[in-house]
Amino acid sequence: MFDIVAWGLGTQELMIILVIVVLLFGGRRIPELARSLGQGIKEFQKSTRDSAADEADKDKEQP
């Protein structure tokens, strides 16, 4: 029903992975991990945008 075609994972496999993650990290630690992952992604995207803007500015300055 909810098969993820790219990796061939079905609903049962995803549930098993979720249970293993909860057992490894605990219920309290998972939101902290998700929050820090989100902040890291946001910082990466910001630095990528800033880098692209700097490159565009350098291209405009060159004769």
C-alpha atoms as a PDB file:
ATOM      1  CA  MET A   1       0.000   0.000   0.000  1.00  0.00           C
ATOM      2  CA  PHE A   2       2.624   2.590   1.090  1.00  0.00           C
ATOM      3  CA  ASP A   3       5.612   1.026  -0.628  1.00  0.00           C
ATOM      4  CA  ILE A   4       8.683   3.146  -1.089  1.00  0.00           C
ATOM      5  CA  VAL A   5       9.728   2.055  -4.535  1.00  0.00           C
ATOM      6  CA  ALA A   6      13.204   3.622  -4.498  1.00  0.00           C
ATOM      7  CA  TRP A   7      14.506   1.356  -1.750  1.00  0.00           C
ATOM      8  CA  GLY A   8      11.956  -1.426  -1.956  1.00  0.00           C
ATOM      9  CA  LEU A   9      10.820  -0.856   1.643  1.00  0.00           C
ATOM     10  CA  GLY A  10       7.298  -1.658   2.648  1.00  0.00           C
ATOM     11  CA  THR A  11       5.221  -0.639   5.631  1.00  0.00           C
ATOM     12  CA  GLN A  12       6.462  -3.495   7.816  1.00  0.00           C
ATOM     13  CA  GLU A  13      10.112  -2.715   7.134  1.00  0.00           C
ATOM     14  CA  LEU A  14       9.581   0.965   7.953  1.00  0.00           C
ATOM     15  CA  MET A  15       7.876   0.056  11.235  1.00  0.00           C
ATOM     16  CA  ILE A  16      10.777  -2.229  12.189  1.00  0.00           C
ATOM     17  CA  ILE A  17      13.281   0.534  11.421  1.00  0.00           C
ATOM     18  CA  LEU A  18      11.233   2.989  13.501  1.00  0.00           C
ATOM     19  CA  VAL A  19      11.171   0.594  16.473  1.00  0.00           C
ATOM     20  CA  ILE A  20      14.942   0.073  16.236  1.00  0.00           C
ATOM     21  CA  VAL A  21      15.555   3.849  16.144  1.00  0.00           C
ATOM     22  CA  VAL A  22      13.350   4.368  19.201  1.00  0.00           C
ATOM     23  CA  LEU A  23      15.156   1.592  21.066  1.00  0.00           C
ATOM     24  CA  LEU A  24      18.591   2.962  20.170  1.00  0.00           C
ATOM     25  CA  PHE A  25      17.990   6.643  20.883  1.00  0.00           C
ATOM     26  CA  GLY A  26      15.033   6.682  23.255  1.00  0.00           C
ATOM     27  CA  GLY A  27      11.851   8.665  23.000  1.00  0.00           C
ATOM     28  CA  ARG A  28      13.259  11.880  24.460  1.00  0.00           C
ATOM     29  CA  ARG A  29      16.348  12.012  22.294  1.00  0.00           C
ATOM     30  CA  ILE A  30      14.601  11.709  18.890  1.00  0.00           C
ATOM     31  CA  PRO A  31      13.078  15.247  18.879  1.00  0.00           C
ATOM     32  CA  GLU A  32      16.473  16.682  19.842  1.00  0.00           C
ATOM     33  CA  LEU A  33      18.126  14.811  16.975  1.00  0.00           C
ATOM     34  CA  ALA A  34      15.448  15.971  14.519  1.00  0.00           C
ATOM     35  CA  ARG A  35      15.774  19.575  15.704  1.00  0.00           C
ATOM     36  CA  SER A  36      19.553  19.596  15.357  1.00  0.00           C
ATOM     37  CA  LEU A  37      19.310  17.950  11.936  1.00  0.00           C
ATOM     38  CA  GLY A  38      16.840  20.629  10.818  1.00  0.00           C
ATOM     39  CA  GLN A  39      19.106  23.409  12.074  1.00  0.00           C
ATOM     40  CA  GLY A  40      22.061  21.872  10.261  1.00  0.00           C
ATOM     41  CA  ILE A  41      20.124  21.645   6.999  1.00  0.00           C
ATOM     42  CA  LYS A  42      18.943  25.247   7.378  1.00  0.00           C
ATOM     43  CA  GLU A  43      22.518  26.448   7.992  1.00  0.00           C
ATOM     44  CA  PHE A  44      23.805  24.483   5.003  1.00  0.00           C
ATOM     45  CA  GLN A  45      21.154  25.965   2.717  1.00  0.00           C
ATOM     46  CA  LYS A  46      21.917  29.479   3.963  1.00  0.00           C
ATOM     47  CA  SER A  47      25.633  29.073   3.308  1.00  0.00           C
ATOM     48  CA  THR A  48      24.901  27.649  -0.145  1.00  0.00           C
ATOM     49  CA  ARG A  49      22.694  30.653  -0.994  1.00  0.00           C
ATOM     50  CA  ASP A  50      25.300  33.083   0.349  1.00  0.00           C
ATOM     51  CA  SER A  51      28.034  31.385  -1.654  1.00  0.00           C
ATOM     52  CA  ALA A  52      25.963  31.521  -4.835  1.00  0.00           C
ATOM     53  CA  ALA A  53      25.198  35.204  -4.250  1.00  0.00           C
ATOM     54  CA  ASP A  54      28.905  35.931  -3.723  1.00  0.00           C
ATOM     55  CA  GLU A  55      29.760  34.161  -6.988  1.00  0.00           C
ATOM     56  CA  ALA A  56      27.085  36.154  -8.833  1.00  0.00           C
ATOM     57  CA  ASP A  57      28.473  39.401  -7.421  1.00  0.00           C
ATOM     58  CA  LYS A  58      32.010  38.470  -8.509  1.00  0.00           C
ATOM     59  CA  ASP A  59      30.777  37.688 -12.025  1.00  0.00           C
ATOM     60  CA  LYS A  60      29.106  41.108 -12.277  1.00  0.00           C
ATOM     61  CA  GLU A  61      32.291  42.903 -11.165  1.00  0.00           C
ATOM     62  CA  GLN A  62      34.529  41.284 -13.774  1.00  0.00           C
ATOM     63  CA  PRO A  63      34.832  43.258 -17.072  1.00  0.00           C
END
